[in-house]
Amino acid sequence: AKERHLTENVTPVKQKPSKELRPMLGAILLGLILFIAAVVAWCYYTVSLRKAERLKTELMDLRANGFVIRNQHGEVVFRLAFRSGSLDLESCSKEGEILSCSHSSRGPLNFFIQTVKPKDTVMCYRVRWEELASGPAVEHTMFWEDAHWYGGSEMSTQHWPIRLAGYQEPVPYVTSDVYSFRDSFGGILERYWLSSKAAAIKINDSVPFHLGFNATERALFFQARYKDSPYKPPPGQQPFPELSYRICVGSDVTSIHKYMVRRYFNKPSKIPAENAFRYPIWSTWALYKNDIDQDKVLNFARDIKKYHFNCSHIEIDDMYTQAYGDFDFDPVKFPNVTEMFAKLREDGFKVTLWTHPFINYNSSNFGVGIERQL
């Protein structure tokens, strides 16, 4: 009985796998690890492929820090970097022709790129980056690469194509007096640039636009900001800076420029008077400079007629008003303007006036301009 009891309570010893089975178990374990690794790699590849497909835009490669655009031959014709922050590509999605992202390295934002194909030979991209905070500026860097670029603003020293020297932090893109301020922008400027590689960019008129450059990097800085700036947000809107623009690439520089001109710049709607080209325009500036009055204008017209010169227009030039910015004749210099105009018309003259967009402090219209926030 004792022997039977002992036998029943003894646990059998577990048999160790034989030496022949150990390599087989190792191979199975290794195969399992490799299988899991392959599944993980495939999932990662699939996710990466989907992300790449999601960020793929025709002829454009979007990255976290910027994008490049190629032409139909695969040549890079435009390169831009996001200077003020990088995109969080995980926040990006694509719906139709619009690729949008909601976060950057600085926080939430409203970013999108819309592909527009207006014709077979032209591809365009609408780009918009809006910060959802009032403080930071939005800044993108456009690289000249090895192309020639044209457009922009009048400068004190004008180069064609554009040639800039040194470094300039972004400054307000507004007109100035290049005679007094040699490094400023002149009286003519457009938010438009065109390259010899048939790429063009137009900054939207709504942007609080600042422009800078770095000649060493061969780059222009495009910046949008309201802080420490003459630009003010539209009434009732938050001062969130928005940098928006359209980039178009084409088959050749002529066709892309023609497309951009038709899209953004109005052409003359009427033909000027033929006489303005056929006959002289007589200006009071030639004889009198800014020392003019009613008698001098009438005498000037009388002499033109007396010596039988042809006439397109007679132009009353500088200082017929009391101050720059007035739109009324100086009553001392011109005591009877109505009578003067009637006499000039009777003698066959058409009259033009010299005018300009500036209003001086001493003009009565200066206060009106301040009230209207001009």
Protein backbone atom coordinates (compact mmCIF):
# COMPACT_ATOMS: atom_id res chain seq x y z
CA ALA A 1 0.00 0.00 0.00
CA LYS A 2 2.84 2.33 0.82
CA GLU A 3 4.46 1.62 -2.50
CA ARG A 4 1.22 2.29 -4.36
CA HIS A 5 0.74 5.62 -2.51
CA LEU A 6 4.22 6.84 -3.35
CA THR A 7 3.79 5.94 -6.99
CA GLU A 8 0.56 7.88 -7.25
CA ASN A 9 2.04 11.10 -5.81
CA VAL A 10 5.17 11.27 -7.92
CA THR A 11 4.98 13.81 -10.81
CA PRO A 12 6.51 12.52 -14.02
CA VAL A 13 9.62 14.38 -15.15
CA LYS A 14 9.04 16.49 -18.35
CA GLN A 15 10.90 15.13 -21.26
CA LYS A 16 13.42 17.56 -22.80
CA PRO A 17 13.27 17.96 -26.58
CA SER A 18 15.74 15.83 -28.29
CA LYS A 19 18.82 17.36 -29.86
CA GLU A 20 17.31 16.72 -33.29
CA LEU A 21 14.22 18.93 -32.54
CA ARG A 22 16.11 22.02 -31.31
CA PRO A 23 17.22 23.30 -34.75
CA MET A 24 13.69 22.83 -36.08
CA LEU A 25 12.19 24.90 -33.24
CA GLY A 26 14.81 27.63 -33.77
CA ALA A 27 14.00 27.75 -37.47
CA ILE A 28 10.27 28.04 -36.73
CA LEU A 29 10.90 30.85 -34.23
CA LEU A 30 13.17 32.69 -36.66
CA GLY A 31 10.62 32.29 -39.45
CA LEU A 32 7.90 33.67 -37.18
CA ILE A 33 10.06 36.72 -36.36
CA LEU A 34 10.82 37.28 -40.03
CA PHE A 35 7.13 36.96 -40.91
CA ILE A 36 6.15 39.54 -38.28
CA ALA A 37 8.92 41.86 -39.50
CA ALA A 38 7.71 41.48 -43.10
CA VAL A 39 4.13 42.27 -42.08
CA VAL A 40 5.29 45.37 -40.16
CA ALA A 41 7.47 46.48 -43.09
CA TRP A 42 4.60 45.96 -45.53
CA CYS A 43 2.23 47.97 -43.33
CA TYR A 44 4.81 50.75 -43.03
CA TYR A 45 5.40 50.70 -46.78
CA THR A 46 1.66 50.78 -47.47
CA VAL A 47 1.18 53.73 -45.09
CA SER A 48 4.16 55.56 -46.65
CA LEU A 49 2.79 54.84 -50.12
CA ARG A 50 -0.61 56.18 -49.16
CA LYS A 51 1.00 59.27 -47.63
CA ALA A 52 3.11 59.83 -50.74
CA GLU A 53 0.02 59.39 -52.90
CA ARG A 54 -1.90 61.77 -50.66
CA LEU A 55 0.79 64.44 -50.99
CA LYS A 56 1.35 63.90 -54.69
CA THR A 57 0.28 66.86 -56.83
CA GLU A 58 0.77 66.93 -60.57
CA LEU A 59 4.30 68.16 -61.44
CA MET A 60 4.75 69.35 -57.81
CA ASP A 61 6.63 67.58 -55.01
CA LEU A 62 5.45 68.77 -51.60
CA ARG A 63 7.71 68.31 -48.61
CA ALA A 64 7.52 69.44 -45.01
CA ASN A 65 9.90 72.34 -45.65
CA GLY A 66 8.73 73.45 -49.11
CA PHE A 67 8.08 72.23 -52.63
CA VAL A 68 9.53 72.01 -56.12
CA ILE A 69 7.67 72.21 -59.43
CA ARG A 70 8.84 70.52 -62.61
CA ASN A 71 7.87 71.19 -66.19
CA GLN A 72 6.48 68.54 -68.51
CA HIS A 73 10.05 67.45 -69.35
CA GLY A 74 10.83 66.74 -65.69
CA GLU A 75 13.12 69.76 -65.24
CA VAL A 76 12.85 71.67 -61.95
CA VAL A 77 11.64 75.18 -62.85
CA PHE A 78 10.51 76.48 -59.45
CA ARG A 79 11.73 75.89 -55.89
CA LEU A 80 10.29 77.35 -52.71
CA ALA A 81 11.03 76.83 -49.00
CA PHE A 82 8.77 77.45 -46.01
CA ARG A 83 11.08 79.74 -44.04
CA SER A 84 8.87 80.49 -41.03
CA GLY A 85 7.80 76.92 -40.23
CA SER A 86 7.48 73.40 -41.60
CA LEU A 87 4.32 71.45 -42.40
CA ASP A 88 3.13 68.53 -40.30
CA LEU A 89 2.58 66.13 -43.20
CA GLU A 90 0.56 63.79 -40.97
CA SER A 91 -2.14 66.48 -40.85
CA CYS A 92 -2.41 66.66 -44.65
CA SER A 93 -5.18 65.19 -46.77
CA LYS A 94 -6.23 65.41 -50.38
CA GLU A 95 -9.69 65.82 -51.82
CA GLY A 96 -9.96 66.18 -55.56
CA GLU A 97 -7.53 68.85 -56.74
CA ILE A 98 -7.07 70.38 -53.27
CA LEU A 99 -4.34 69.21 -50.88
CA SER A 100 -4.76 70.72 -47.41
CA CYS A 101 -2.86 70.60 -44.11
CA SER A 102 -4.00 71.76 -40.67
CA HIS A 103 -0.80 71.85 -38.59
CA SER A 104 2.76 73.12 -38.85
CA SER A 105 5.73 73.14 -36.52
CA ARG A 106 4.27 76.32 -34.99
CA GLY A 107 0.74 75.06 -34.40
CA PRO A 108 -2.63 75.05 -36.20
CA LEU A 109 -2.90 76.71 -39.58
CA ASN A 110 -4.94 76.79 -42.76
CA PHE A 111 -2.79 75.57 -45.65
CA PHE A 112 -3.82 74.34 -49.07
CA ILE A 113 -2.54 73.85 -52.59
CA GLN A 114 -5.10 73.69 -55.39
CA THR A 115 -4.09 72.43 -58.81
CA VAL A 116 -5.63 74.30 -61.73
CA LYS A 117 -5.05 73.38 -65.35
CA PRO A 118 -6.50 76.23 -67.44
CA LYS A 119 -5.09 74.87 -70.71
CA ASP A 120 -2.99 71.99 -72.00
CA THR A 121 0.26 73.97 -72.02
CA VAL A 122 -0.21 75.67 -68.62
CA MET A 123 -0.32 74.22 -65.09
CA CYS A 124 -1.12 76.45 -62.11
CA TYR A 125 -1.11 76.05 -58.34
CA ARG A 126 -3.03 78.19 -55.87
CA VAL A 127 -1.13 78.22 -52.57
CA ARG A 128 -2.41 79.61 -49.28
CA TRP A 129 -0.76 79.57 -45.85
CA GLU A 130 -2.72 81.29 -43.09
CA GLU A 131 -1.54 81.32 -39.49
CA LEU A 132 -4.35 80.98 -36.96
CA ALA A 133 -2.62 83.35 -34.54
CA SER A 134 -2.07 87.09 -34.75
CA GLY A 135 1.60 87.24 -33.80
CA PRO A 136 3.89 85.36 -36.19
CA ALA A 137 4.64 86.32 -39.76
CA VAL A 138 4.38 83.87 -42.65
CA GLU A 139 7.51 83.76 -44.77
CA HIS A 140 8.39 81.71 -47.84
CA THR A 141 11.66 81.79 -49.78
CA MET A 142 11.66 81.60 -53.58
CA PHE A 143 14.99 80.60 -55.12
CA TRP A 144 16.10 82.08 -58.45
CA GLU A 145 18.11 78.93 -59.24
CA ASP A 146 19.94 79.43 -62.55
CA ALA A 147 17.05 81.21 -64.29
CA HIS A 148 16.71 84.87 -65.23
CA TRP A 149 13.85 86.63 -63.41
CA TYR A 150 11.85 89.69 -64.45
CA GLY A 151 9.16 91.84 -62.85
CA GLY A 152 8.74 93.20 -59.34
CA SER A 153 9.32 96.90 -58.76
CA GLU A 154 11.03 99.97 -60.13
CA MET A 155 14.39 100.46 -58.37
CA SER A 156 16.87 103.36 -58.22
CA THR A 157 19.27 101.22 -60.27
CA GLN A 158 17.22 99.12 -62.67
CA HIS A 159 18.59 95.82 -63.94
CA TRP A 160 16.94 93.64 -66.57
CA PRO A 161 16.80 90.77 -65.76
CA ILE A 162 16.66 91.34 -61.99
CA ARG A 163 20.03 91.62 -60.27
CA LEU A 164 20.11 92.24 -56.52
CA ALA A 165 23.12 92.62 -54.24
CA GLY A 166 23.55 91.98 -50.53
CA TYR A 167 20.90 91.05 -48.00
CA GLN A 168 17.59 92.71 -47.16
CA GLU A 169 15.17 91.61 -44.45
CA PRO A 170 11.54 91.76 -45.66
CA VAL A 171 10.19 95.33 -45.78
CA PRO A 172 6.70 96.59 -46.73
CA TYR A 173 6.15 96.29 -50.47
CA VAL A 174 4.90 99.83 -50.99
CA THR A 175 5.89 102.71 -53.28
CA SER A 176 8.52 105.20 -52.19
CA ASP A 177 10.81 107.94 -53.47
CA VAL A 178 13.90 106.24 -54.92
CA TYR A 179 15.68 109.61 -55.28
CA SER A 180 15.56 110.23 -51.54
CA PHE A 181 15.72 106.58 -50.41
CA ARG A 182 18.00 104.75 -52.82
CA ASP A 183 17.30 101.23 -51.51
CA SER A 184 13.50 101.57 -51.46
CA PHE A 185 10.92 100.48 -54.00
CA GLY A 186 9.96 103.07 -56.61
CA GLY A 187 6.67 104.44 -57.87
CA ILE A 188 5.85 101.40 -60.03
CA LEU A 189 5.55 97.92 -58.57
CA GLU A 190 3.74 94.68 -59.28
CA ARG A 191 3.44 91.55 -57.15
CA TYR A 192 4.45 89.53 -60.18
CA TRP A 193 7.65 87.76 -61.24
CA LEU A 194 8.44 85.80 -64.37
CA SER A 195 11.38 83.46 -65.06
CA SER A 196 13.22 82.45 -68.21
CA LYS A 197 12.25 78.85 -67.37
CA ALA A 198 8.58 79.66 -68.07
CA ALA A 199 7.51 79.87 -64.42
CA ALA A 200 5.58 82.83 -63.01
CA ILE A 201 4.28 83.82 -59.58
CA LYS A 202 1.63 86.38 -58.63
CA ILE A 203 1.15 87.35 -54.97
CA ASN A 204 -2.51 88.01 -54.10
CA ASP A 205 -3.51 91.65 -53.62
CA SER A 206 -5.07 90.78 -50.23
CA VAL A 207 -1.70 89.80 -48.71
CA PRO A 208 0.01 92.24 -46.26
CA PHE A 209 3.08 91.77 -48.41
CA HIS A 210 6.72 92.36 -47.44
CA LEU A 211 9.67 91.61 -49.71
CA GLY A 212 13.30 90.84 -48.90
CA PHE A 213 16.18 89.10 -50.62
CA ASN A 214 19.49 87.32 -50.16
CA ALA A 215 21.85 87.60 -53.13
CA THR A 216 24.15 84.88 -51.74
CA GLU A 217 21.32 82.33 -51.67
CA ARG A 218 19.90 83.81 -54.89
CA ALA A 219 16.53 84.07 -53.19
CA LEU A 220 13.56 86.38 -52.63
CA PHE A 221 11.77 86.42 -49.27
CA PHE A 222 7.96 86.64 -49.49
CA GLN A 223 6.48 87.62 -46.14
CA ALA A 224 2.97 88.33 -44.84
CA ARG A 225 2.58 90.18 -41.56
CA TYR A 226 0.47 92.81 -39.80
CA LYS A 227 2.69 93.35 -36.75
CA ASP A 228 4.97 96.42 -37.09
CA SER A 229 3.57 96.99 -40.57
CA PRO A 230 1.60 99.68 -42.44
CA TYR A 231 -0.93 97.02 -43.49
CA LYS A 232 -4.15 96.65 -41.51
CA PRO A 233 -6.52 93.66 -41.60
CA PRO A 234 -9.95 94.15 -43.21
CA PRO A 235 -12.54 95.56 -40.78
CA GLY A 236 -13.97 92.88 -38.51
CA GLN A 237 -11.28 90.31 -39.32
CA GLN A 238 -8.59 88.93 -37.04
CA PRO A 239 -5.01 90.05 -37.86
CA PHE A 240 -4.03 86.53 -38.91
CA PRO A 241 -1.29 86.85 -41.54
CA GLU A 242 -2.04 85.07 -44.81
CA LEU A 243 0.44 84.45 -47.62
CA SER A 244 -1.40 83.40 -50.77
CA TYR A 245 -0.21 83.32 -54.35
CA ARG A 246 -0.55 81.54 -57.67
CA ILE A 247 2.32 79.83 -59.49
CA CYS A 248 1.98 78.88 -63.15
CA VAL A 249 4.39 76.94 -65.36
CA GLY A 250 4.18 76.64 -69.13
CA SER A 251 5.93 75.37 -72.21
CA ASP A 252 7.76 78.65 -72.95
CA VAL A 253 8.23 82.07 -71.36
CA THR A 254 6.14 83.93 -73.97
CA SER A 255 3.02 81.82 -73.59
CA ILE A 256 3.13 81.78 -69.79
CA HIS A 257 3.55 85.57 -69.66
CA LYS A 258 0.64 86.04 -72.06
CA TYR A 259 -1.51 83.80 -69.88
CA MET A 260 -0.62 85.68 -66.68
CA VAL A 261 -1.23 89.07 -68.33
CA ARG A 262 -4.69 87.97 -69.51
CA ARG A 263 -5.45 86.54 -66.06
CA TYR A 264 -4.22 89.41 -63.86
CA PHE A 265 -3.57 92.63 -65.77
CA ASN A 266 -6.23 94.62 -67.59
CA LYS A 267 -5.45 95.82 -71.08
CA PRO A 268 -6.57 99.23 -72.39
CA SER A 269 -10.26 99.18 -73.21
CA LYS A 270 -10.21 102.11 -75.67
CA ILE A 271 -7.87 103.58 -78.27
CA PRO A 272 -6.45 107.01 -77.32
CA ALA A 273 -7.20 109.98 -79.56
CA GLU A 274 -5.28 109.73 -82.82
CA ASN A 275 -4.21 113.39 -82.57
CA ALA A 276 -2.24 112.57 -79.40
CA PHE A 277 0.11 110.54 -81.62
CA ARG A 278 -0.11 112.60 -84.80
CA TYR A 279 0.42 116.12 -83.39
CA PRO A 280 2.44 117.78 -80.60
CA ILE A 281 1.24 117.99 -77.01
CA TRP A 282 2.09 121.47 -75.78
CA SER A 283 3.00 121.62 -72.10
CA THR A 284 3.29 124.81 -70.06
CA TRP A 285 6.27 123.24 -68.25
CA ALA A 286 8.50 123.76 -71.33
CA LEU A 287 8.39 127.59 -71.03
CA TYR A 288 7.13 128.43 -67.57
CA LYS A 289 7.98 125.47 -65.29
CA ASN A 290 5.75 125.91 -62.20
CA ASP A 291 5.39 129.67 -62.57
CA ILE A 292 2.07 129.68 -64.43
CA ASP A 293 -1.19 131.64 -64.33
CA GLN A 294 -4.26 132.22 -66.48
CA ASP A 295 -2.70 134.93 -68.66
CA LYS A 296 0.39 132.82 -69.43
CA VAL A 297 -1.73 129.85 -70.49
CA LEU A 298 -3.84 132.00 -72.83
CA ASN A 299 -0.75 133.70 -74.27
CA PHE A 300 0.88 130.32 -74.82
CA ALA A 301 -2.17 129.11 -76.75
CA ARG A 302 -2.29 132.32 -78.76
CA ASP A 303 1.35 131.95 -79.87
CA ILE A 304 0.83 128.30 -80.91
CA LYS A 305 -2.06 129.39 -83.09
CA LYS A 306 -0.25 132.53 -84.31
CA TYR A 307 2.66 130.55 -85.74
CA HIS A 308 0.35 127.92 -87.26
CA PHE A 309 1.59 124.94 -85.28
CA ASN A 310 -0.51 121.81 -85.18
CA CYS A 311 -1.85 120.88 -81.77
CA SER A 312 -3.15 117.76 -80.12
CA HIS A 313 -3.56 119.04 -76.56
CA ILE A 314 -2.37 121.90 -74.45
CA GLU A 315 -1.33 120.67 -71.03
CA ILE A 316 -1.52 122.87 -67.94
CA ASP A 317 1.38 121.56 -65.89
CA ASP A 318 2.85 121.99 -62.42
CA MET A 319 1.37 124.33 -59.75
CA TYR A 320 -1.98 125.38 -61.15
CA THR A 321 -3.25 124.51 -57.65
CA GLN A 322 -2.29 126.06 -54.31
CA ALA A 323 -0.74 122.82 -52.99
CA TYR A 324 0.07 119.33 -54.27
CA GLY A 325 -3.00 117.27 -53.59
CA ASP A 326 -5.57 119.99 -54.30
CA PHE A 327 -7.94 119.48 -57.20
CA ASP A 328 -9.15 123.06 -57.52
CA PHE A 329 -7.37 125.79 -59.47
CA ASP A 330 -5.58 128.45 -57.45
CA PRO A 331 -8.13 131.35 -57.47
CA VAL A 332 -5.35 133.96 -57.42
CA LYS A 333 -3.46 132.54 -60.41
CA PHE A 334 -6.63 131.53 -62.26
CA PRO A 335 -9.41 134.00 -61.38
CA ASN A 336 -11.80 132.77 -64.09
CA VAL A 337 -11.12 129.17 -65.07
CA THR A 338 -14.48 128.74 -66.83
CA GLU A 339 -13.74 131.66 -69.14
CA MET A 340 -10.21 130.36 -69.83
CA PHE A 341 -11.47 126.90 -70.81
CA ALA A 342 -14.16 128.37 -73.05
CA LYS A 343 -11.54 130.48 -74.87
CA LEU A 344 -9.19 127.51 -75.33
CA ARG A 345 -12.00 125.35 -76.72
CA GLU A 346 -13.07 128.16 -79.04
CA ASP A 347 -9.51 128.28 -80.44
CA GLY A 348 -9.58 124.52 -81.09
CA PHE A 349 -7.53 123.33 -78.12
CA LYS A 350 -8.19 120.25 -76.01
CA VAL A 351 -6.89 120.71 -72.47
CA THR A 352 -5.21 118.21 -70.18
CA LEU A 353 -4.01 118.71 -66.60
CA TRP A 354 -0.86 117.42 -64.93
CA THR A 355 -1.77 115.39 -61.87
CA HIS A 356 -0.23 112.83 -59.49
CA PRO A 357 -1.35 110.46 -56.71
CA PHE A 358 0.36 112.31 -53.85
CA ILE A 359 -1.28 114.58 -51.28
CA ASN A 360 1.02 116.88 -49.32
CA TYR A 361 0.56 117.84 -45.67
CA ASN A 362 -0.34 121.43 -46.61
CA SER A 363 -3.17 120.38 -48.92
CA SER A 364 -6.73 120.75 -47.77
CA ASN A 365 -7.30 117.18 -48.94
CA PHE A 366 -4.76 115.72 -46.51
CA GLY A 367 -7.28 115.74 -43.66
CA VAL A 368 -9.87 114.15 -45.96
CA GLY A 369 -7.40 111.38 -46.79
CA ILE A 370 -6.71 110.73 -43.11
CA GLU A 371 -10.44 110.53 -42.34
CA ARG A 372 -10.97 108.06 -45.20
CA GLN A 373 -7.86 106.06 -44.18
CA LEU A 374 -6.30 106.46 -47.63
